[in-house]
Amino acid sequence: MENPEKDDESPYTCPVAVTVDVIGGKWKGIVLYHLIEGAVRFNELRKLMPGTTQRMLTLQLRELERDGLVHREIYHQMPPKVEYSLTGFGRTLIPILDLMRNWGIEHERDIVDRRKVVDKELPE
């Protein structure tokens, strides 16, 4: 498929590459999903995502902020409070995140079962 609006200056080879670059990886989509309902504090995100480290979450949030998808609000109080929320631009991803959520709900069992079978067949 060709992209008729391809920018010759762009490093991306196709439109899907743009999307994957912005929301790809293990944690970015999950962060964005948890921000759909509204602002969330950093430690709340960590609790919602126990498999990530503080450093990794910080890096992912910085990249999402850099790309204009996430807003970081700093409240100058003691102790300091920082909240993250989707920007208007970030909210344009909600339909994609909803489709990913629905696909995950529909196919989770199948994926788990397939991986069990394949993992048993792999040599140690």
N, C-alpha and C. Protein backbone atom coordinates (compact mmCIF):
# COMPACT_ATOMS: atom_id res chain seq x y z
N MET A 1 0.84 -1.18 0.00
CA MET A 1 0.00 0.00 0.00
C MET A 1 0.88 1.24 0.00
N GLU A 2 0.50 2.18 -0.78
CA GLU A 2 1.28 3.39 -0.88
C GLU A 2 0.64 4.49 -0.06
N ASN A 3 1.46 5.40 0.47
CA ASN A 3 0.96 6.54 1.22
C ASN A 3 1.06 7.77 0.32
N PRO A 4 -0.07 8.25 -0.21
CA PRO A 4 -0.04 9.38 -1.15
C PRO A 4 0.42 10.68 -0.48
N GLU A 5 0.35 10.74 0.83
CA GLU A 5 0.74 11.96 1.53
C GLU A 5 2.13 11.85 2.16
N LYS A 6 2.95 10.92 1.70
CA LYS A 6 4.29 10.69 2.24
C LYS A 6 5.13 11.94 2.13
N ASP A 7 5.72 12.33 3.24
CA ASP A 7 6.61 13.48 3.31
C ASP A 7 8.03 12.99 2.99
N ASP A 8 8.66 13.55 1.97
CA ASP A 8 9.99 13.11 1.57
C ASP A 8 11.04 13.33 2.66
N GLU A 9 10.77 14.21 3.60
CA GLU A 9 11.70 14.51 4.69
C GLU A 9 11.56 13.51 5.84
N SER A 10 10.49 12.74 5.86
CA SER A 10 10.20 11.84 6.97
C SER A 10 11.10 10.61 6.94
N PRO A 11 11.55 10.19 8.13
CA PRO A 11 12.36 8.96 8.20
C PRO A 11 11.53 7.68 8.14
N TYR A 12 10.21 7.81 8.16
CA TYR A 12 9.33 6.65 8.23
C TYR A 12 9.05 6.07 6.85
N THR A 13 9.04 4.75 6.78
CA THR A 13 8.81 4.07 5.51
C THR A 13 7.34 3.83 5.22
N CYS A 14 6.50 3.87 6.28
CA CYS A 14 5.07 3.71 6.08
C CYS A 14 4.33 4.29 7.29
N PRO A 15 3.04 4.55 7.16
CA PRO A 15 2.27 5.15 8.25
C PRO A 15 2.24 4.29 9.52
N VAL A 16 2.25 2.98 9.35
CA VAL A 16 2.24 2.10 10.53
C VAL A 16 3.52 2.28 11.33
N ALA A 17 4.63 2.53 10.66
CA ALA A 17 5.91 2.75 11.35
C ALA A 17 5.83 3.98 12.26
N VAL A 18 5.12 4.99 11.84
CA VAL A 18 4.95 6.19 12.68
C VAL A 18 4.24 5.82 13.97
N THR A 19 3.12 5.12 13.83
CA THR A 19 2.32 4.74 14.99
C THR A 19 3.09 3.82 15.93
N VAL A 20 3.76 2.83 15.37
CA VAL A 20 4.53 1.89 16.19
C VAL A 20 5.65 2.62 16.91
N ASP A 21 6.29 3.57 16.25
CA ASP A 21 7.37 4.32 16.88
C ASP A 21 6.85 5.13 18.07
N VAL A 22 5.68 5.70 17.93
CA VAL A 22 5.14 6.57 18.98
C VAL A 22 4.54 5.78 20.15
N ILE A 23 3.83 4.69 19.86
CA ILE A 23 3.18 3.97 20.96
C ILE A 23 3.72 2.56 21.16
N GLY A 24 4.72 2.17 20.37
CA GLY A 24 5.24 0.82 20.45
C GLY A 24 6.06 0.55 21.70
N GLY A 25 6.45 -0.67 21.84
CA GLY A 25 7.20 -1.07 23.02
C GLY A 25 6.27 -1.68 24.04
N LYS A 26 6.84 -2.16 25.10
CA LYS A 26 6.07 -2.91 26.09
C LYS A 26 5.18 -2.02 26.95
N TRP A 27 5.57 -0.76 27.20
CA TRP A 27 4.89 0.03 28.22
C TRP A 27 4.09 1.23 27.73
N LYS A 28 4.43 1.82 26.60
CA LYS A 28 3.76 3.05 26.19
C LYS A 28 2.25 2.89 26.00
N GLY A 29 1.85 1.84 25.31
CA GLY A 29 0.42 1.61 25.11
C GLY A 29 -0.31 1.42 26.43
N ILE A 30 0.34 0.75 27.37
CA ILE A 30 -0.26 0.50 28.68
C ILE A 30 -0.39 1.81 29.46
N VAL A 31 0.63 2.65 29.41
CA VAL A 31 0.57 3.96 30.05
C VAL A 31 -0.59 4.75 29.47
N LEU A 32 -0.65 4.82 28.15
CA LEU A 32 -1.72 5.58 27.50
C LEU A 32 -3.10 5.05 27.88
N TYR A 33 -3.22 3.73 27.92
CA TYR A 33 -4.50 3.11 28.30
C TYR A 33 -4.92 3.55 29.70
N HIS A 34 -4.00 3.57 30.65
CA HIS A 34 -4.33 3.95 32.02
C HIS A 34 -4.63 5.44 32.18
N LEU A 35 -4.26 6.24 31.20
CA LEU A 35 -4.52 7.67 31.27
C LEU A 35 -5.83 8.06 30.58
N ILE A 36 -6.51 7.11 29.96
CA ILE A 36 -7.75 7.43 29.25
C ILE A 36 -8.79 8.06 30.18
N GLU A 37 -8.91 7.53 31.38
CA GLU A 37 -9.95 8.01 32.30
C GLU A 37 -9.61 9.33 32.98
N GLY A 38 -8.36 9.78 32.87
CA GLY A 38 -7.98 11.04 33.49
C GLY A 38 -6.59 10.99 34.07
N ALA A 39 -6.23 12.06 34.76
CA ALA A 39 -4.89 12.22 35.31
C ALA A 39 -4.56 11.14 36.33
N VAL A 40 -3.30 10.70 36.30
CA VAL A 40 -2.83 9.66 37.22
C VAL A 40 -1.45 10.08 37.73
N ARG A 41 -1.24 9.89 39.02
CA ARG A 41 0.05 10.19 39.62
C ARG A 41 1.06 9.09 39.27
N PHE A 42 2.34 9.45 39.31
CA PHE A 42 3.41 8.54 38.93
C PHE A 42 3.33 7.23 39.72
N ASN A 43 3.21 7.32 41.04
CA ASN A 43 3.19 6.10 41.86
C ASN A 43 1.96 5.25 41.60
N GLU A 44 0.85 5.88 41.22
CA GLU A 44 -0.33 5.11 40.85
C GLU A 44 -0.06 4.31 39.58
N LEU A 45 0.61 4.94 38.62
CA LEU A 45 0.97 4.22 37.39
C LEU A 45 1.88 3.04 37.71
N ARG A 46 2.83 3.25 38.60
CA ARG A 46 3.73 2.14 38.96
C ARG A 46 2.95 0.98 39.56
N LYS A 47 1.94 1.28 40.38
CA LYS A 47 1.12 0.21 40.97
C LYS A 47 0.29 -0.50 39.91
N LEU A 48 -0.16 0.24 38.91
CA LEU A 48 -0.95 -0.34 37.83
C LEU A 48 -0.09 -1.18 36.88
N MET A 49 1.23 -0.94 36.93
CA MET A 49 2.16 -1.61 36.02
C MET A 49 3.32 -2.20 36.83
N PRO A 50 3.05 -3.23 37.64
CA PRO A 50 4.08 -3.74 38.55
C PRO A 50 5.28 -4.36 37.85
N GLY A 51 5.19 -4.68 36.58
CA GLY A 51 6.32 -5.29 35.88
C GLY A 51 7.36 -4.29 35.39
N THR A 52 7.09 -3.00 35.52
CA THR A 52 8.04 -2.00 35.04
C THR A 52 8.86 -1.43 36.20
N THR A 53 9.99 -0.88 35.87
CA THR A 53 10.83 -0.23 36.88
C THR A 53 10.53 1.26 36.87
N GLN A 54 10.93 1.92 37.92
CA GLN A 54 10.76 3.37 38.01
C GLN A 54 11.48 4.06 36.85
N ARG A 55 12.68 3.61 36.57
CA ARG A 55 13.47 4.20 35.48
C ARG A 55 12.79 4.02 34.13
N MET A 56 12.30 2.81 33.85
CA MET A 56 11.65 2.54 32.56
C MET A 56 10.38 3.37 32.41
N LEU A 57 9.59 3.43 33.48
CA LEU A 57 8.35 4.22 33.43
C LEU A 57 8.68 5.69 33.18
N THR A 58 9.69 6.20 33.85
CA THR A 58 10.10 7.59 33.65
C THR A 58 10.51 7.83 32.20
N LEU A 59 11.29 6.92 31.63
CA LEU A 59 11.72 7.06 30.23
C LEU A 59 10.53 7.05 29.28
N GLN A 60 9.61 6.13 29.51
CA GLN A 60 8.44 6.03 28.63
C GLN A 60 7.58 7.29 28.72
N LEU A 61 7.38 7.78 29.93
CA LEU A 61 6.59 9.01 30.11
C LEU A 61 7.26 10.20 29.45
N ARG A 62 8.58 10.29 29.56
CA ARG A 62 9.31 11.40 28.91
C ARG A 62 9.15 11.34 27.39
N GLU A 63 9.23 10.13 26.83
CA GLU A 63 9.07 10.00 25.38
C GLU A 63 7.65 10.36 24.95
N LEU A 64 6.67 9.93 25.71
CA LEU A 64 5.28 10.26 25.40
C LEU A 64 5.03 11.76 25.53
N GLU A 65 5.68 12.37 26.52
CA GLU A 65 5.58 13.82 26.70
C GLU A 65 6.27 14.54 25.53
N ARG A 66 7.45 14.07 25.15
CA ARG A 66 8.19 14.65 24.03
C ARG A 66 7.37 14.63 22.74
N ASP A 67 6.64 13.53 22.52
CA ASP A 67 5.85 13.39 21.31
C ASP A 67 4.49 14.10 21.39
N GLY A 68 4.23 14.74 22.53
CA GLY A 68 3.01 15.54 22.66
C GLY A 68 1.76 14.76 23.02
N LEU A 69 1.92 13.52 23.47
CA LEU A 69 0.77 12.69 23.81
C LEU A 69 0.37 12.79 25.26
N VAL A 70 1.33 13.09 26.12
CA VAL A 70 1.10 13.12 27.56
C VAL A 70 1.53 14.48 28.11
N HIS A 71 0.74 14.97 29.05
CA HIS A 71 1.05 16.23 29.75
C HIS A 71 1.46 15.90 31.18
N ARG A 72 2.52 16.52 31.64
CA ARG A 72 2.97 16.35 33.03
C ARG A 72 2.67 17.63 33.79
N GLU A 73 1.88 17.50 34.85
CA GLU A 73 1.52 18.64 35.69
C GLU A 73 2.23 18.51 37.03
N ILE A 74 3.02 19.52 37.36
CA ILE A 74 3.76 19.52 38.63
C ILE A 74 3.05 20.47 39.58
N TYR A 75 2.69 19.95 40.75
CA TYR A 75 2.06 20.76 41.79
C TYR A 75 3.13 21.09 42.83
N HIS A 76 3.35 22.36 43.02
CA HIS A 76 4.39 22.79 43.96
C HIS A 76 3.81 22.80 45.36
N GLN A 77 3.97 21.68 46.02
CA GLN A 77 3.49 21.49 47.38
C GLN A 77 4.44 20.52 48.06
N MET A 78 4.23 20.30 49.32
CA MET A 78 5.05 19.34 50.05
C MET A 78 4.18 18.21 50.53
N PRO A 79 4.46 16.96 50.23
CA PRO A 79 5.49 16.55 49.27
C PRO A 79 5.07 16.91 47.85
N PRO A 80 6.03 17.02 46.93
CA PRO A 80 5.70 17.37 45.54
C PRO A 80 4.74 16.35 44.93
N LYS A 81 3.90 16.84 44.06
CA LYS A 81 2.91 15.97 43.41
C LYS A 81 3.03 16.18 41.90
N VAL A 82 3.09 15.08 41.15
CA VAL A 82 3.15 15.13 39.70
C VAL A 82 2.06 14.22 39.15
N GLU A 83 1.28 14.77 38.23
CA GLU A 83 0.23 13.99 37.57
C GLU A 83 0.47 13.97 36.07
N TYR A 84 0.08 12.87 35.46
CA TYR A 84 0.18 12.71 34.01
C TYR A 84 -1.21 12.54 33.44
N SER A 85 -1.43 13.15 32.29
CA SER A 85 -2.72 13.03 31.61
C SER A 85 -2.50 13.05 30.11
N LEU A 86 -3.51 12.60 29.38
CA LEU A 86 -3.44 12.66 27.92
C LEU A 86 -3.67 14.09 27.45
N THR A 87 -2.93 14.50 26.46
CA THR A 87 -3.20 15.78 25.81
C THR A 87 -4.33 15.56 24.81
N GLY A 88 -4.80 16.63 24.19
CA GLY A 88 -5.79 16.48 23.13
C GLY A 88 -5.26 15.60 22.01
N PHE A 89 -4.00 15.80 21.66
CA PHE A 89 -3.35 14.99 20.64
C PHE A 89 -3.28 13.53 21.09
N GLY A 90 -2.95 13.29 22.35
CA GLY A 90 -2.90 11.94 22.89
C GLY A 90 -4.26 11.26 22.86
N ARG A 91 -5.32 12.05 23.07
CA ARG A 91 -6.67 11.49 23.07
C ARG A 91 -7.08 10.99 21.68
N THR A 92 -6.39 11.44 20.64
CA THR A 92 -6.71 10.94 19.29
C THR A 92 -6.35 9.46 19.17
N LEU A 93 -5.57 8.93 20.09
CA LEU A 93 -5.20 7.51 20.08
C LEU A 93 -6.23 6.62 20.78
N ILE A 94 -7.21 7.20 21.44
CA ILE A 94 -8.18 6.40 22.19
C ILE A 94 -8.88 5.35 21.32
N PRO A 95 -9.32 5.67 20.09
CA PRO A 95 -9.94 4.61 19.28
C PRO A 95 -8.98 3.44 19.02
N ILE A 96 -7.72 3.72 18.81
CA ILE A 96 -6.73 2.66 18.59
C ILE A 96 -6.56 1.85 19.87
N LEU A 97 -6.44 2.53 21.00
CA LEU A 97 -6.28 1.83 22.28
C LEU A 97 -7.51 0.98 22.60
N ASP A 98 -8.70 1.50 22.28
CA ASP A 98 -9.93 0.72 22.50
C ASP A 98 -9.94 -0.54 21.63
N LEU A 99 -9.50 -0.42 20.39
CA LEU A 99 -9.42 -1.59 19.50
C LEU A 99 -8.40 -2.60 20.05
N MET A 100 -7.27 -2.12 20.55
CA MET A 100 -6.26 -3.01 21.13
C MET A 100 -6.82 -3.71 22.37
N ARG A 101 -7.55 -2.95 23.20
CA ARG A 101 -8.17 -3.52 24.41
C ARG A 101 -9.15 -4.62 24.02
N ASN A 102 -10.01 -4.33 23.07
CA ASN A 102 -11.03 -5.30 22.65
C ASN A 102 -10.39 -6.54 22.04
N TRP A 103 -9.35 -6.35 21.24
CA TRP A 103 -8.65 -7.48 20.66
C TRP A 103 -8.03 -8.34 21.76
N GLY A 104 -7.44 -7.69 22.76
CA GLY A 104 -6.84 -8.41 23.87
C GLY A 104 -7.86 -9.21 24.66
N ILE A 105 -9.01 -8.63 24.91
CA ILE A 105 -10.08 -9.34 25.62
C ILE A 105 -10.51 -10.56 24.82
N GLU A 106 -10.69 -10.36 23.52
CA GLU A 106 -11.19 -11.44 22.67
C GLU A 106 -10.18 -12.58 22.48
N HIS A 107 -8.89 -12.26 22.46
CA HIS A 107 -7.88 -13.26 22.09
C HIS A 107 -6.90 -13.65 23.19
N GLU A 108 -7.07 -13.12 24.39
CA GLU A 108 -6.12 -13.41 25.47
C GLU A 108 -5.97 -14.90 25.73
N ARG A 109 -7.08 -15.59 25.88
CA ARG A 109 -7.04 -17.02 26.19
C ARG A 109 -6.30 -17.80 25.10
N ASP A 110 -6.59 -17.47 23.85
CA ASP A 110 -5.95 -18.14 22.72
C ASP A 110 -4.44 -17.91 22.74
N ILE A 111 -4.01 -16.70 22.98
CA ILE A 111 -2.58 -16.38 23.02
C ILE A 111 -1.90 -17.13 24.16
N VAL A 112 -2.51 -17.10 25.35
CA VAL A 112 -1.93 -17.80 26.51
C VAL A 112 -1.79 -19.29 26.21
N ASP A 113 -2.84 -19.89 25.65
CA ASP A 113 -2.80 -21.32 25.32
C ASP A 113 -1.74 -21.64 24.27
N ARG A 114 -1.65 -20.83 23.22
CA ARG A 114 -0.66 -21.06 22.17
C ARG A 114 0.76 -20.98 22.73
N ARG A 115 0.99 -20.02 23.59
CA ARG A 115 2.33 -19.87 24.15
C ARG A 115 2.70 -21.02 25.07
N LYS A 116 1.73 -21.55 25.78
CA LYS A 116 2.01 -22.72 26.62
C LYS A 116 2.49 -23.88 25.77
N VAL A 117 1.82 -24.11 24.65
CA VAL A 117 2.17 -25.22 23.76
C VAL A 117 3.55 -25.00 23.16
N VAL A 118 3.79 -23.83 22.63
CA VAL A 118 5.07 -23.54 21.99
C VAL A 118 6.20 -23.57 23.01
N ASP A 119 5.98 -23.01 24.20
CA ASP A 119 7.03 -22.99 25.23
C ASP A 119 7.41 -24.40 25.66
N LYS A 120 6.45 -25.34 25.67
CA LYS A 120 6.74 -26.73 26.03
C LYS A 120 7.63 -27.38 24.97
N GLU A 121 7.44 -26.97 23.72
CA GLU A 121 8.17 -27.58 22.61
C GLU A 121 9.59 -27.03 22.45
N LEU A 122 9.86 -25.85 23.01
CA LEU A 122 11.18 -25.24 22.86
C LEU A 122 12.19 -25.93 23.76
N PRO A 123 13.39 -26.18 23.25
CA PRO A 123 14.42 -26.80 24.09
C PRO A 123 14.89 -25.82 25.17
N GLU A 124 15.29 -26.35 26.28
CA GLU A 124 15.75 -25.52 27.40
C GLU A 124 17.10 -24.93 27.15
